[in-house]
Amino acid sequence: MLMRFRDRKEAGRLLAERLAPYAGRPDLVVLALPRGGVPVGREVARALGAPLDVFVVRKLGVPGQEELAMGAIASGGVRVLNEDVITYLGIPPEVVDAVTLRELRELERRERLYRGAAPPLRVAGRTVILVDDGLATGASMRAAVAALGRLHPKEIIVAVPVAAPATCESFQREMGVECVAVMMPEPFNGVGQWYEDFSQMSDDEVRALLEEAREDLSGESSRDRP
């Protein structure tokens, strides 16, 4: 039966139930796409007993046609290029590099804003659940999966409360990545349609949730010491 989530927090709790088989795994990491994916990821990480971090993705737009992506960069210093677009439009390497540098500055600014002095979580050899608040076209999530793959995780699971069915299915078919969703309604009609409260998250709210998650894990670690 289809429903609407009250907010991202409720959506995250329901998503965590679908991900229960991963609970307690020592190699588990939850990465959330900011901003909207962070409150969802916070609930997932809390329920599964896993650390939480952001995974920031920035599209590399074609100059003058910024909506057309010629690639993307992501947390961890990873760049993925769409060589077909670059070749077809004859974009010189120096232009690609200039756009990359501009977007890298913005990515680093956002990471400092969200994470502060805390280092990024290590993902190599670990199971990573990549979370957002929904999947429509999946463009940002595809860029995130491609970039994350360059960091050599053991496994990537895409997890969202709500997804367009064809988009979710395409991750398995095209990228070999499992996609877990609470709902895959048809017709889809956009992510926001499936939330009663889909208000914009502020940067301060994102930072606070990440700090809470770190404090939770450090508290659990101290309780485990003899």
C-alpha atoms as a PDB file:
ATOM      1  CA  MET A   1       0.000   0.000   0.000  1.00  0.00           C
ATOM      2  CA  LEU A   2       1.415   3.386  -0.996  1.00  0.00           C
ATOM      3  CA  MET A   3       1.647   6.199   1.527  1.00  0.00           C
ATOM      4  CA  ARG A   4       3.411   9.485   2.095  1.00  0.00           C
ATOM      5  CA  PHE A   5       6.283   9.814   4.535  1.00  0.00           C
ATOM      6  CA  ARG A   6       5.730  12.335   7.306  1.00  0.00           C
ATOM      7  CA  ASP A   7       9.260  13.668   6.818  1.00  0.00           C
ATOM      8  CA  ARG A   8      12.798  12.505   6.023  1.00  0.00           C
ATOM      9  CA  LYS A   9      13.284  11.241   9.580  1.00  0.00           C
ATOM     10  CA  GLU A  10      10.348   8.848   9.329  1.00  0.00           C
ATOM     11  CA  ALA A  11      11.464   7.842   5.835  1.00  0.00           C
ATOM     12  CA  GLY A  12      14.910   7.010   7.199  1.00  0.00           C
ATOM     13  CA  ARG A  13      13.489   4.818   9.962  1.00  0.00           C
ATOM     14  CA  LEU A  14      11.389   2.861   7.466  1.00  0.00           C
ATOM     15  CA  LEU A  15      14.342   2.525   5.107  1.00  0.00           C
ATOM     16  CA  ALA A  16      16.472   1.215   7.973  1.00  0.00           C
ATOM     17  CA  GLU A  17      13.953  -1.607   8.463  1.00  0.00           C
ATOM     18  CA  ARG A  18      14.572  -2.705   4.871  1.00  0.00           C
ATOM     19  CA  LEU A  19      18.312  -2.630   5.526  1.00  0.00           C
ATOM     20  CA  ALA A  20      18.161  -4.590   8.801  1.00  0.00           C
ATOM     21  CA  PRO A  21      20.257  -7.524   7.461  1.00  0.00           C
ATOM     22  CA  TYR A  22      23.266  -5.164   7.399  1.00  0.00           C
ATOM     23  CA  ALA A  23      22.939  -4.169  11.070  1.00  0.00           C
ATOM     24  CA  GLY A  24      26.009  -4.622  13.235  1.00  0.00           C
ATOM     25  CA  ARG A  25      28.413  -5.395  10.390  1.00  0.00           C
ATOM     26  CA  PRO A  26      31.859  -4.119  11.424  1.00  0.00           C
ATOM     27  CA  ASP A  27      32.762  -3.027   7.884  1.00  0.00           C
ATOM     28  CA  LEU A  28      29.572  -1.000   7.317  1.00  0.00           C
ATOM     29  CA  VAL A  29      29.596   2.712   6.419  1.00  0.00           C
ATOM     30  CA  VAL A  30      26.609   4.936   5.586  1.00  0.00           C
ATOM     31  CA  LEU A  31      27.275   7.809   3.171  1.00  0.00           C
ATOM     32  CA  ALA A  32      24.561  10.388   2.538  1.00  0.00           C
ATOM     33  CA  LEU A  33      24.166  12.802  -0.364  1.00  0.00           C
ATOM     34  CA  PRO A  34      23.647  16.290   1.079  1.00  0.00           C
ATOM     35  CA  ARG A  35      21.511  17.940   1.871  1.00  0.00           C
ATOM     36  CA  GLY A  36      18.295  15.893   1.785  1.00  0.00           C
ATOM     37  CA  GLY A  37      19.963  12.517   2.128  1.00  0.00           C
ATOM     38  CA  VAL A  38      21.579  13.357   5.473  1.00  0.00           C
ATOM     39  CA  PRO A  39      18.517  13.139   7.764  1.00  0.00           C
ATOM     40  CA  VAL A  40      17.567   9.881   6.035  1.00  0.00           C
ATOM     41  CA  GLY A  41      21.106   8.575   6.414  1.00  0.00           C
ATOM     42  CA  ARG A  42      21.199   9.642  10.058  1.00  0.00           C
ATOM     43  CA  GLU A  43      18.298   7.325  10.894  1.00  0.00           C
ATOM     44  CA  VAL A  44      19.755   4.488   8.827  1.00  0.00           C
ATOM     45  CA  ALA A  45      23.177   4.793  10.464  1.00  0.00           C
ATOM     46  CA  ARG A  46      21.648   4.985  13.940  1.00  0.00           C
ATOM     47  CA  ALA A  47      19.516   1.876  13.407  1.00  0.00           C
ATOM     48  CA  LEU A  48      22.329  -0.155  11.843  1.00  0.00           C
ATOM     49  CA  GLY A  49      25.027   0.946  14.290  1.00  0.00           C
ATOM     50  CA  ALA A  50      27.203   2.349  11.502  1.00  0.00           C
ATOM     51  CA  PRO A  51      29.242   5.544  11.085  1.00  0.00           C
ATOM     52  CA  LEU A  52      27.735   8.316   8.940  1.00  0.00           C
ATOM     53  CA  ASP A  53      29.439  10.722   6.569  1.00  0.00           C
ATOM     54  CA  VAL A  54      28.511  12.904   3.615  1.00  0.00           C
ATOM     55  CA  PHE A  55      29.438  12.068   0.050  1.00  0.00           C
ATOM     56  CA  VAL A  56      29.412  15.314  -1.893  1.00  0.00           C
ATOM     57  CA  VAL A  57      28.917  15.203  -5.662  1.00  0.00           C
ATOM     58  CA  ARG A  58      29.337  18.171  -8.016  1.00  0.00           C
ATOM     59  CA  LYS A  59      28.305  18.036 -11.650  1.00  0.00           C
ATOM     60  CA  LEU A  60      30.771  19.316 -14.251  1.00  0.00           C
ATOM     61  CA  GLY A  61      28.515  21.311 -16.537  1.00  0.00           C
ATOM     62  CA  VAL A  62      29.380  22.118 -20.155  1.00  0.00           C
ATOM     63  CA  PRO A  63      30.209  25.860 -20.342  1.00  0.00           C
ATOM     64  CA  GLY A  64      27.177  27.669 -21.696  1.00  0.00           C
ATOM     65  CA  GLN A  65      25.055  24.518 -21.260  1.00  0.00           C
ATOM     66  CA  GLU A  66      25.547  23.944 -17.553  1.00  0.00           C
ATOM     67  CA  GLU A  67      22.584  21.572 -17.320  1.00  0.00           C
ATOM     68  CA  LEU A  68      24.477  19.146 -19.612  1.00  0.00           C
ATOM     69  CA  ALA A  69      27.005  17.139 -17.609  1.00  0.00           C
ATOM     70  CA  MET A  70      30.412  16.393 -19.072  1.00  0.00           C
ATOM     71  CA  GLY A  71      31.330  14.624 -15.850  1.00  0.00           C
ATOM     72  CA  ALA A  72      31.237  14.851 -12.082  1.00  0.00           C
ATOM     73  CA  ILE A  73      33.568  15.064  -9.119  1.00  0.00           C
ATOM     74  CA  ALA A  74      32.939  13.644  -5.673  1.00  0.00           C
ATOM     75  CA  SER A  75      34.331  13.294  -2.166  1.00  0.00           C
ATOM     76  CA  GLY A  76      37.702  11.589  -2.096  1.00  0.00           C
ATOM     77  CA  GLY A  77      39.172  13.569  -4.997  1.00  0.00           C
ATOM     78  CA  VAL A  78      37.496  11.431  -7.654  1.00  0.00           C
ATOM     79  CA  ARG A  79      36.631  12.712 -11.137  1.00  0.00           C
ATOM     80  CA  VAL A  80      34.438  10.824 -13.603  1.00  0.00           C
ATOM     81  CA  LEU A  81      34.257  12.214 -17.147  1.00  0.00           C
ATOM     82  CA  ASN A  82      31.647  11.659 -19.844  1.00  0.00           C
ATOM     83  CA  GLU A  83      34.072  11.206 -22.710  1.00  0.00           C
ATOM     84  CA  ASP A  84      31.269  10.892 -25.268  1.00  0.00           C
ATOM     85  CA  VAL A  85      29.979  14.410 -24.469  1.00  0.00           C
ATOM     86  CA  ILE A  86      33.481  15.883 -24.342  1.00  0.00           C
ATOM     87  CA  THR A  87      34.457  14.356 -27.696  1.00  0.00           C
ATOM     88  CA  TYR A  88      31.163  15.164 -29.443  1.00  0.00           C
ATOM     89  CA  LEU A  89      31.292  18.834 -28.385  1.00  0.00           C
ATOM     90  CA  GLY A  90      35.053  19.123 -28.895  1.00  0.00           C
ATOM     91  CA  ILE A  91      35.669  20.487 -25.396  1.00  0.00           C
ATOM     92  CA  PRO A  92      39.422  21.134 -24.896  1.00  0.00           C
ATOM     93  CA  PRO A  93      41.153  19.513 -21.893  1.00  0.00           C
ATOM     94  CA  GLU A  94      42.010  22.927 -20.414  1.00  0.00           C
ATOM     95  CA  VAL A  95      38.295  23.824 -20.315  1.00  0.00           C
ATOM     96  CA  VAL A  96      37.456  20.541 -18.578  1.00  0.00           C
ATOM     97  CA  ASP A  97      40.243  21.207 -16.071  1.00  0.00           C
ATOM     98  CA  ALA A  98      39.083  24.783 -15.432  1.00  0.00           C
ATOM     99  CA  VAL A  99      35.512  23.659 -14.714  1.00  0.00           C
ATOM    100  CA  THR A 100      36.857  20.849 -12.539  1.00  0.00           C
ATOM    101  CA  LEU A 101      38.960  23.280 -10.484  1.00  0.00           C
ATOM    102  CA  ARG A 102      35.998  25.618  -9.937  1.00  0.00           C
ATOM    103  CA  GLU A 103      33.713  22.804  -8.826  1.00  0.00           C
ATOM    104  CA  LEU A 104      36.466  21.260  -6.694  1.00  0.00           C
ATOM    105  CA  ARG A 105      36.730  24.495  -4.715  1.00  0.00           C
ATOM    106  CA  GLU A 106      32.977  24.398  -4.090  1.00  0.00           C
ATOM    107  CA  LEU A 107      33.072  20.705  -3.152  1.00  0.00           C
ATOM    108  CA  GLU A 108      35.900  21.319  -0.678  1.00  0.00           C
ATOM    109  CA  ARG A 109      34.031  24.330   0.761  1.00  0.00           C
ATOM    110  CA  ARG A 110      30.963  22.200   1.348  1.00  0.00           C
ATOM    111  CA  GLU A 111      32.957  19.365   2.879  1.00  0.00           C
ATOM    112  CA  ARG A 112      34.633  21.783   5.321  1.00  0.00           C
ATOM    113  CA  LEU A 113      31.244  23.287   6.103  1.00  0.00           C
ATOM    114  CA  TYR A 114      29.606  19.928   6.807  1.00  0.00           C
ATOM    115  CA  ARG A 115      32.476  17.948   8.299  1.00  0.00           C
ATOM    116  CA  GLY A 116      34.641  20.599   9.939  1.00  0.00           C
ATOM    117  CA  ALA A 117      38.023  19.217  10.988  1.00  0.00           C
ATOM    118  CA  ALA A 118      36.802  15.598  10.995  1.00  0.00           C
ATOM    119  CA  PRO A 119      38.517  13.452   8.320  1.00  0.00           C
ATOM    120  CA  PRO A 120      36.383  11.629   5.738  1.00  0.00           C
ATOM    121  CA  LEU A 121      35.501   8.050   6.558  1.00  0.00           C
ATOM    122  CA  ARG A 122      37.662   5.371   4.950  1.00  0.00           C
ATOM    123  CA  VAL A 123      35.623   3.316   2.464  1.00  0.00           C
ATOM    124  CA  ALA A 124      38.226   1.050   0.828  1.00  0.00           C
ATOM    125  CA  GLY A 125      37.331  -2.585   1.459  1.00  0.00           C
ATOM    126  CA  ARG A 126      34.128  -1.679   3.301  1.00  0.00           C
ATOM    127  CA  THR A 127      30.423  -2.153   2.627  1.00  0.00           C
ATOM    128  CA  VAL A 128      28.919   1.241   1.780  1.00  0.00           C
ATOM    129  CA  ILE A 129      25.219   2.136   1.910  1.00  0.00           C
ATOM    130  CA  LEU A 130      24.756   5.252  -0.227  1.00  0.00           C
ATOM    131  CA  VAL A 131      21.644   7.162   0.847  1.00  0.00           C
ATOM    132  CA  ASP A 132      19.499   9.954  -0.577  1.00  0.00           C
ATOM    133  CA  ASP A 133      15.928  11.067   0.112  1.00  0.00           C
ATOM    134  CA  GLY A 134      14.702   9.722  -3.231  1.00  0.00           C
ATOM    135  CA  LEU A 135      15.584   8.780  -6.793  1.00  0.00           C
ATOM    136  CA  ALA A 136      13.941  10.456  -9.765  1.00  0.00           C
ATOM    137  CA  THR A 137      16.326  10.441 -12.765  1.00  0.00           C
ATOM    138  CA  GLY A 138      19.155   9.204 -10.526  1.00  0.00           C
ATOM    139  CA  ALA A 139      21.802  11.420 -12.190  1.00  0.00           C
ATOM    140  CA  SER A 140      23.476  12.531  -8.941  1.00  0.00           C
ATOM    141  CA  MET A 141      23.348   9.025  -7.497  1.00  0.00           C
ATOM    142  CA  ARG A 142      24.887   7.522 -10.656  1.00  0.00           C
ATOM    143  CA  ALA A 143      27.736  10.016 -10.413  1.00  0.00           C
ATOM    144  CA  ALA A 144      28.145   9.145  -6.738  1.00  0.00           C
ATOM    145  CA  VAL A 145      28.233   5.398  -7.439  1.00  0.00           C
ATOM    146  CA  ALA A 146      30.755   5.823 -10.253  1.00  0.00           C
ATOM    147  CA  ALA A 147      32.979   8.040  -8.088  1.00  0.00           C
ATOM    148  CA  LEU A 148      32.653   5.828  -5.028  1.00  0.00           C
ATOM    149  CA  GLY A 149      33.670   2.811  -7.085  1.00  0.00           C
ATOM    150  CA  ARG A 150      37.065   4.474  -7.685  1.00  0.00           C
ATOM    151  CA  LEU A 151      37.668   4.386  -3.911  1.00  0.00           C
ATOM    152  CA  HIS A 152      37.520   0.554  -3.919  1.00  0.00           C
ATOM    153  CA  PRO A 153      34.707  -0.306  -1.482  1.00  0.00           C
ATOM    154  CA  LYS A 154      33.875  -3.987  -1.063  1.00  0.00           C
ATOM    155  CA  GLU A 155      30.215  -3.404  -1.929  1.00  0.00           C
ATOM    156  CA  ILE A 156      27.890  -0.475  -2.698  1.00  0.00           C
ATOM    157  CA  ILE A 157      24.171  -0.481  -1.885  1.00  0.00           C
ATOM    158  CA  VAL A 158      22.009   2.412  -3.095  1.00  0.00           C
ATOM    159  CA  ALA A 159      19.232   3.023  -0.563  1.00  0.00           C
ATOM    160  CA  VAL A 160      16.355   5.511  -0.730  1.00  0.00           C
ATOM    161  CA  PRO A 161      12.876   5.798   0.763  1.00  0.00           C
ATOM    162  CA  VAL A 162      11.223   6.300  -2.632  1.00  0.00           C
ATOM    163  CA  ALA A 163      12.363   5.743  -6.213  1.00  0.00           C
ATOM    164  CA  ALA A 164      11.103   5.753  -9.757  1.00  0.00           C
ATOM    165  CA  PRO A 165      10.926   2.022 -10.572  1.00  0.00           C
ATOM    166  CA  ALA A 166      12.908   2.223 -13.821  1.00  0.00           C
ATOM    167  CA  THR A 167      15.625   4.289 -12.170  1.00  0.00           C
ATOM    168  CA  CYS A 168      16.052   1.887  -9.266  1.00  0.00           C
ATOM    169  CA  GLU A 169      16.134  -1.100 -11.583  1.00  0.00           C
ATOM    170  CA  SER A 170      18.754   0.564 -13.800  1.00  0.00           C
ATOM    171  CA  PHE A 171      21.350   0.570 -11.013  1.00  0.00           C
ATOM    172  CA  GLN A 172      21.323  -3.225 -10.919  1.00  0.00           C
ATOM    173  CA  ARG A 173      21.129  -3.613 -14.675  1.00  0.00           C
ATOM    174  CA  GLU A 174      23.664  -0.962 -15.724  1.00  0.00           C
ATOM    175  CA  MET A 175      26.004  -0.636 -12.733  1.00  0.00           C
ATOM    176  CA  GLY A 176      25.674  -3.968 -10.923  1.00  0.00           C
ATOM    177  CA  VAL A 177      24.618  -2.185  -7.730  1.00  0.00           C
ATOM    178  CA  GLU A 178      21.691  -3.229  -5.536  1.00  0.00           C
ATOM    179  CA  CYS A 179      18.998  -0.565  -5.108  1.00  0.00           C
ATOM    180  CA  VAL A 180      16.857  -0.764  -1.961  1.00  0.00           C
ATOM    181  CA  ALA A 181      13.697   1.366  -1.747  1.00  0.00           C
ATOM    182  CA  VAL A 182      10.757   1.440   0.645  1.00  0.00           C
ATOM    183  CA  MET A 183       8.424   2.420  -2.209  1.00  0.00           C
ATOM    184  CA  MET A 184       8.639   2.405  -6.007  1.00  0.00           C
ATOM    185  CA  PRO A 185       5.342   4.040  -7.001  1.00  0.00           C
ATOM    186  CA  GLU A 186       4.017   4.187 -10.540  1.00  0.00           C
ATOM    187  CA  PRO A 187       3.400   6.865 -11.695  1.00  0.00           C
ATOM    188  CA  PHE A 188       6.255   8.436  -9.757  1.00  0.00           C
ATOM    189  CA  ASN A 189       5.629  12.198 -10.138  1.00  0.00           C
ATOM    190  CA  GLY A 190       8.756  13.397  -8.321  1.00  0.00           C
ATOM    191  CA  VAL A 191      10.383  12.734  -4.944  1.00  0.00           C
ATOM    192  CA  GLY A 192       8.664  15.589  -3.083  1.00  0.00           C
ATOM    193  CA  GLN A 193       5.205  14.193  -3.868  1.00  0.00           C
ATOM    194  CA  TRP A 194       5.844  11.347  -1.428  1.00  0.00           C
ATOM    195  CA  TYR A 195       6.631  13.508   1.609  1.00  0.00           C
ATOM    196  CA  GLU A 196       4.252  15.563   3.731  1.00  0.00           C
ATOM    197  CA  ASP A 197       7.229  17.685   4.819  1.00  0.00           C
ATOM    198  CA  PHE A 198       9.855  18.048   2.085  1.00  0.00           C
ATOM    199  CA  SER A 199      11.257  21.367   3.254  1.00  0.00           C
ATOM    200  CA  GLN A 200      14.792  22.428   2.351  1.00  0.00           C
ATOM    201  CA  MET A 201      17.535  21.365   4.753  1.00  0.00           C
ATOM    202  CA  SER A 202      19.950  24.043   5.924  1.00  0.00           C
ATOM    203  CA  ASP A 203      23.719  23.585   6.053  1.00  0.00           C
ATOM    204  CA  ASP A 204      23.578  24.039   9.831  1.00  0.00           C
ATOM    205  CA  GLU A 205      21.060  21.199  10.139  1.00  0.00           C
ATOM    206  CA  VAL A 206      23.274  18.921   8.048  1.00  0.00           C
ATOM    207  CA  ARG A 207      26.308  19.723  10.187  1.00  0.00           C
ATOM    208  CA  ALA A 208      24.372  19.128  13.414  1.00  0.00           C
ATOM    209  CA  LEU A 209      23.184  15.694  12.252  1.00  0.00           C
ATOM    210  CA  LEU A 210      26.718  14.634  11.321  1.00  0.00           C
ATOM    211  CA  GLU A 211      28.012  15.801  14.710  1.00  0.00           C
ATOM    212  CA  GLU A 212      25.250  13.857  16.472  1.00  0.00           C
ATOM    213  CA  ALA A 213      26.180  10.716  14.562  1.00  0.00           C
ATOM    214  CA  ARG A 214      29.862  11.063  15.497  1.00  0.00           C
ATOM    215  CA  GLU A 215      28.972  11.625  19.152  1.00  0.00           C
ATOM    216  CA  ASP A 216      26.726   8.555  19.163  1.00  0.00           C
ATOM    217  CA  LEU A 217      29.524   6.329  17.875  1.00  0.00           C
ATOM    218  CA  SER A 218      32.158   7.777  20.221  1.00  0.00           C
ATOM    219  CA  GLY A 219      29.767   7.249  23.132  1.00  0.00           C
ATOM    220  CA  GLU A 220      29.200   3.628  22.153  1.00  0.00           C
ATOM    221  CA  SER A 221      32.948   3.079  21.811  1.00  0.00           C
ATOM    222  CA  SER A 222      33.601   4.440  25.306  1.00  0.00           C
ATOM    223  CA  ARG A 223      30.859   2.242  26.786  1.00  0.00           C
ATOM    224  CA  ASP A 224      32.468  -0.804  25.155  1.00  0.00           C
ATOM    225  CA  ARG A 225      35.815  -0.177  26.908  1.00  0.00           C
ATOM    226  CA  PRO A 226      36.492  -2.231  30.047  1.00  0.00           C
END
